[in-house]
């Protein structure tokens, strides 16, 4: 709890993977800052903390409201992004630059790695006795931030995944075979699980869903595909990029060695996992028509498929971060909580920075079926209101015509 709010300038930046609604949070924070008498100038750092270190800043106070609203409805990070973990030396330099520009309010939009960065900067600020308010604004399509029921970016990413699987299922129904799609999700399977929302009719895919929360075994995978293919004459499969063996080793790590500054393997930059699984199905099951796609970065910033709830909550997260910083809290992270009750309602609360930083959360066990190859109704009920309406799918009644003798 902050004792007295400082008067000074504000700096905001974006970090980590872009999303379809990250700019809603940016604009929400900017517009709220304009209302606060203790915030004077509003700066934006291009490409996260790298932009601070290079003094690559822009004056966001000069942006018109109409242009800001256009940016808010545009996917990807308007300020540019970065994946950089600050060192102690970086922090010292950052404070020198913040003082130089009279910045007393700092907001960092991102996921758990970005929260860790904000936490490191905030801890160093406390040591340096710098009069500073530091807030992390929640964001990630992976939906794995602790303290959050769900995160801005997930709803729109999930809507893309569900819509893509709707189309892929129709394609696979027209030309039967085995289709494997690799979806983002390093440790949490929320986005891959969202593929289940594509099901409209009982025989719709995905017929199998594999998540990083359950150990992946190739023999079991092949047996599942063989069973579904025998029953339906086709099989659509959703696989998380982060699936790992019983020892916790990511299957994709057999092929990918590149890591970022936070030590994360770059799982989304390759189609190797899909190729491996498709190759095993062809070789071991003798099925000729097998295809694999890696959705990769398409899931993050796809225009035209934005979840209405996602955009609204992303805006609220940015707004509330500034409100909290300008009233009663010196630091923290804003988190989305779901209110109890039958109707879908959410709220934005402030939580400690440390409680969100670095570590992530997984899908609850109640969302995954016993066999570990699908989701449960509990997940569908959880995800539907976040994603919102999906395209309407029709099907011919297929009344057979009697053959003419």
Foldseek 3Di string as FASTA:
>chain_A
DDDDAAAWEEEEEEADFWFQQLLLLVLLQVVLLVVFPSHDWYKYAAAPLVSLLVVVIDTPVPDDNVVSVVSRRATTTPRHYYQAADDLVSLVSSVVSCVVRGHAEYEYEDAQARLQNQVVSVVSCVVVVPNHFTEYFWDDLLQWFPPALGTQRVLLLLQVLLQVLLVVQVVCVVPAEEEEEEEEHAQACLSLQSVVVNDDDPLTDQPWEATQVDADDLVVVLVSQLVNCVVPVHHYYGYYLNHHHPVRHGPQVVPFDDATNLGDTPSLPDCVVQVVSQVCNCVVVVTDDYYYYYCRSVSGRPRPQDAPLSNVVSNVSSNVRNVCCRPPDRYFYWYWDFDDDDDTDIDIDTDHSVSRHDDTHYDDPQQADPVNTHGDVVSVSSSDNSNDDHDDDDDDPCDDDDDDD
